[in-house]
Structures are given as structure tokens and as C-alpha cells.
Amino acid sequence: MSLAKKIVSYVLITLVLVFTIVSILGIWDIIRDLENVVLNIIYSLIVIFAASAVILFIFNVFMKDSEHKP
């Protein structure tokens, strides 16, 4: 794998992680009452799931080893 693909992959993963953290902090801005806690937990899990899917896609597309090619 070329060095450029590795660098691009790590930059994209870093950006995804930063945006995920910012999104979670936005969701959990201020918890004013306990009724919203469950909704905030669900939103946080959705954001984490989406970020995981993007990171998995980046790993599968950009960071594939050439050994696994048939």
C-alpha cells in the first residue's frame, strides 16, 4: 500500500473522529430533565454507529492489503 493512501486514510479517520466528538457534545449540550436522557442516549448511539460505519468503510477501501487479492 502506498504511503499516500495511508496518510489519506488516517486523515479521514481523524476527521471522522473529530466530527463524531463534536456531534456527541452537541447532542449532550445540557440535560435539563431526565426524560431527554433516553433520547440523548439513542442519538449518541446512532452517531457512534454512523462514525463506525464510515471508519470501517475507510479501512476496507483505502487500507486493504494487497495480500488479500485473489
N, C-alpha and C. Protein backbone atom coordinates (compact mmCIF):
# COMPACT_ATOMS: atom_id res chain seq x y z
N MET A 1 0.85 -1.17 0.00
CA MET A 1 0.00 0.00 0.00
C MET A 1 0.90 1.24 0.00
N SER A 2 0.49 2.20 -0.76
CA SER A 2 1.32 3.39 -0.87
C SER A 2 1.18 4.25 0.38
N LEU A 3 2.19 5.04 0.57
CA LEU A 3 2.23 5.93 1.74
C LEU A 3 1.12 6.97 1.67
N ALA A 4 0.80 7.42 0.46
CA ALA A 4 -0.25 8.44 0.30
C ALA A 4 -1.61 7.90 0.75
N LYS A 5 -1.92 6.64 0.42
CA LYS A 5 -3.20 6.06 0.85
C LYS A 5 -3.28 5.96 2.37
N LYS A 6 -2.17 5.60 2.99
CA LYS A 6 -2.16 5.50 4.45
C LYS A 6 -2.38 6.87 5.08
N ILE A 7 -1.71 7.87 4.55
CA ILE A 7 -1.85 9.23 5.10
C ILE A 7 -3.28 9.73 4.93
N VAL A 8 -3.85 9.54 3.74
CA VAL A 8 -5.22 9.97 3.49
C VAL A 8 -6.19 9.23 4.40
N SER A 9 -5.96 7.94 4.60
CA SER A 9 -6.83 7.14 5.47
C SER A 9 -6.81 7.66 6.90
N TYR A 10 -5.62 7.91 7.41
CA TYR A 10 -5.52 8.40 8.79
C TYR A 10 -6.10 9.80 8.94
N VAL A 11 -5.94 10.64 7.93
CA VAL A 11 -6.53 11.98 7.99
C VAL A 11 -8.06 11.88 7.99
N LEU A 12 -8.61 11.02 7.13
CA LEU A 12 -10.07 10.85 7.09
C LEU A 12 -10.60 10.28 8.40
N ILE A 13 -9.90 9.32 8.96
CA ILE A 13 -10.33 8.74 10.24
C ILE A 13 -10.28 9.79 11.34
N THR A 14 -9.24 10.61 11.34
CA THR A 14 -9.14 11.67 12.34
C THR A 14 -10.30 12.66 12.19
N LEU A 15 -10.62 13.03 10.95
CA LEU A 15 -11.74 13.95 10.73
C LEU A 15 -13.06 13.34 11.19
N VAL A 16 -13.27 12.06 10.91
CA VAL A 16 -14.50 11.39 11.35
C VAL A 16 -14.59 11.38 12.86
N LEU A 17 -13.48 11.08 13.53
CA LEU A 17 -13.49 11.07 15.00
C LEU A 17 -13.76 12.45 15.57
N VAL A 18 -13.16 13.48 14.98
CA VAL A 18 -13.38 14.84 15.47
C VAL A 18 -14.85 15.24 15.29
N PHE A 19 -15.41 14.97 14.10
CA PHE A 19 -16.81 15.30 13.87
C PHE A 19 -17.74 14.49 14.76
N THR A 20 -17.37 13.25 15.06
CA THR A 20 -18.18 12.43 15.96
C THR A 20 -18.19 13.02 17.36
N ILE A 21 -17.03 13.42 17.84
CA ILE A 21 -16.95 14.01 19.18
C ILE A 21 -17.74 15.31 19.24
N VAL A 22 -17.62 16.14 18.20
CA VAL A 22 -18.37 17.39 18.18
C VAL A 22 -19.88 17.11 18.14
N SER A 23 -20.29 16.10 17.38
CA SER A 23 -21.72 15.76 17.32
C SER A 23 -22.25 15.28 18.65
N ILE A 24 -21.49 14.43 19.32
CA ILE A 24 -21.92 13.93 20.63
C ILE A 24 -21.97 15.05 21.65
N LEU A 25 -21.00 15.95 21.61
CA LEU A 25 -21.05 17.09 22.52
C LEU A 25 -22.25 17.99 22.22
N GLY A 26 -22.62 18.10 20.95
CA GLY A 26 -23.80 18.88 20.58
C GLY A 26 -25.08 18.23 21.06
N ILE A 27 -25.13 16.90 20.98
CA ILE A 27 -26.32 16.18 21.44
C ILE A 27 -26.48 16.33 22.95
N TRP A 28 -25.39 16.21 23.68
CA TRP A 28 -25.43 16.24 25.14
C TRP A 28 -25.17 17.65 25.67
N ASP A 29 -25.64 18.65 24.96
CA ASP A 29 -25.39 20.04 25.34
C ASP A 29 -25.73 20.29 26.80
N ILE A 30 -26.98 20.23 27.14
CA ILE A 30 -27.41 20.41 28.54
C ILE A 30 -28.57 19.46 28.78
N ILE A 31 -28.44 18.63 29.81
CA ILE A 31 -29.54 17.73 30.17
C ILE A 31 -30.37 18.45 31.22
N ARG A 32 -31.54 18.93 30.81
CA ARG A 32 -32.37 19.71 31.73
C ARG A 32 -33.35 18.84 32.50
N ASP A 33 -33.83 17.79 31.89
CA ASP A 33 -34.74 16.90 32.60
C ASP A 33 -34.42 15.46 32.21
N LEU A 34 -34.84 14.55 33.04
CA LEU A 34 -34.47 13.15 32.85
C LEU A 34 -35.20 12.47 31.69
N GLU A 35 -36.26 13.06 31.20
CA GLU A 35 -36.99 12.46 30.08
C GLU A 35 -36.16 12.46 28.80
N ASN A 36 -35.30 13.42 28.66
CA ASN A 36 -34.49 13.52 27.44
C ASN A 36 -33.26 12.63 27.47
N VAL A 37 -32.95 12.03 28.59
CA VAL A 37 -31.73 11.22 28.70
C VAL A 37 -31.79 10.03 27.75
N VAL A 38 -32.91 9.34 27.71
CA VAL A 38 -33.03 8.16 26.84
C VAL A 38 -32.90 8.58 25.37
N LEU A 39 -33.54 9.67 25.01
CA LEU A 39 -33.44 10.17 23.64
C LEU A 39 -32.01 10.56 23.30
N ASN A 40 -31.32 11.19 24.23
CA ASN A 40 -29.92 11.56 24.00
C ASN A 40 -29.03 10.33 23.87
N ILE A 41 -29.32 9.29 24.64
CA ILE A 41 -28.55 8.05 24.54
C ILE A 41 -28.75 7.43 23.16
N ILE A 42 -29.99 7.42 22.68
CA ILE A 42 -30.26 6.85 21.35
C ILE A 42 -29.57 7.67 20.27
N TYR A 43 -29.63 8.99 20.34
CA TYR A 43 -28.94 9.83 19.37
C TYR A 43 -27.43 9.59 19.39
N SER A 44 -26.88 9.46 20.58
CA SER A 44 -25.44 9.22 20.70
C SER A 44 -25.05 7.88 20.08
N LEU A 45 -25.86 6.85 20.32
CA LEU A 45 -25.58 5.54 19.73
C LEU A 45 -25.68 5.58 18.20
N ILE A 46 -26.63 6.34 17.68
CA ILE A 46 -26.74 6.48 16.22
C ILE A 46 -25.51 7.17 15.64
N VAL A 47 -25.05 8.23 16.30
CA VAL A 47 -23.86 8.94 15.83
C VAL A 47 -22.63 8.03 15.89
N ILE A 48 -22.48 7.29 16.98
CA ILE A 48 -21.34 6.38 17.11
C ILE A 48 -21.42 5.27 16.06
N PHE A 49 -22.61 4.75 15.80
CA PHE A 49 -22.78 3.72 14.77
C PHE A 49 -22.41 4.26 13.39
N ALA A 50 -22.87 5.46 13.07
CA ALA A 50 -22.56 6.05 11.77
C ALA A 50 -21.06 6.29 11.61
N ALA A 51 -20.42 6.78 12.67
CA ALA A 51 -18.98 7.01 12.61
C ALA A 51 -18.23 5.69 12.45
N SER A 52 -18.69 4.65 13.12
CA SER A 52 -18.06 3.33 12.99
C SER A 52 -18.19 2.80 11.57
N ALA A 53 -19.35 3.00 10.97
CA ALA A 53 -19.56 2.55 9.60
C ALA A 53 -18.63 3.28 8.63
N VAL A 54 -18.45 4.58 8.83
CA VAL A 54 -17.56 5.34 7.96
C VAL A 54 -16.12 4.89 8.14
N ILE A 55 -15.70 4.67 9.37
CA ILE A 55 -14.33 4.21 9.62
C ILE A 55 -14.12 2.82 9.03
N LEU A 56 -15.09 1.94 9.16
CA LEU A 56 -14.99 0.61 8.56
C LEU A 56 -14.89 0.70 7.04
N PHE A 57 -15.66 1.59 6.44
CA PHE A 57 -15.58 1.80 5.00
C PHE A 57 -14.20 2.29 4.60
N ILE A 58 -13.65 3.24 5.35
CA ILE A 58 -12.32 3.77 5.04
C ILE A 58 -11.28 2.66 5.13
N PHE A 59 -11.34 1.85 6.18
CA PHE A 59 -10.39 0.76 6.31
C PHE A 59 -10.52 -0.23 5.16
N ASN A 60 -11.74 -0.57 4.77
CA ASN A 60 -11.93 -1.56 3.71
C ASN A 60 -11.53 -1.04 2.34
N VAL A 61 -11.73 0.24 2.07
CA VAL A 61 -11.44 0.77 0.75
C VAL A 61 -9.99 1.21 0.62
N PHE A 62 -9.49 1.95 1.58
CA PHE A 62 -8.18 2.55 1.45
C PHE A 62 -7.05 1.74 2.06
N MET A 63 -7.33 0.98 3.07
CA MET A 63 -6.25 0.31 3.80
C MET A 63 -6.24 -1.19 3.56
N LYS A 64 -6.73 -1.63 2.41
CA LYS A 64 -6.73 -3.03 2.06
C LYS A 64 -5.30 -3.48 1.77
N ASP A 65 -4.93 -4.63 2.30
CA ASP A 65 -3.62 -5.18 1.99
C ASP A 65 -3.66 -5.85 0.63
N SER A 66 -2.57 -5.77 -0.08
CA SER A 66 -2.52 -6.39 -1.40
C SER A 66 -2.43 -7.91 -1.30
N GLU A 67 -2.15 -8.46 -0.11
CA GLU A 67 -2.04 -9.90 0.08
C GLU A 67 -3.40 -10.58 -0.05
N HIS A 68 -4.47 -9.89 0.22
CA HIS A 68 -5.80 -10.49 0.22
C HIS A 68 -6.42 -10.55 -1.17
N LYS A 69 -5.76 -10.00 -2.18
CA LYS A 69 -6.31 -10.04 -3.53
C LYS A 69 -6.12 -11.43 -4.12
N PRO A 70 -7.16 -11.98 -4.76
CA PRO A 70 -7.04 -13.33 -5.34
C PRO A 70 -6.24 -13.35 -6.63
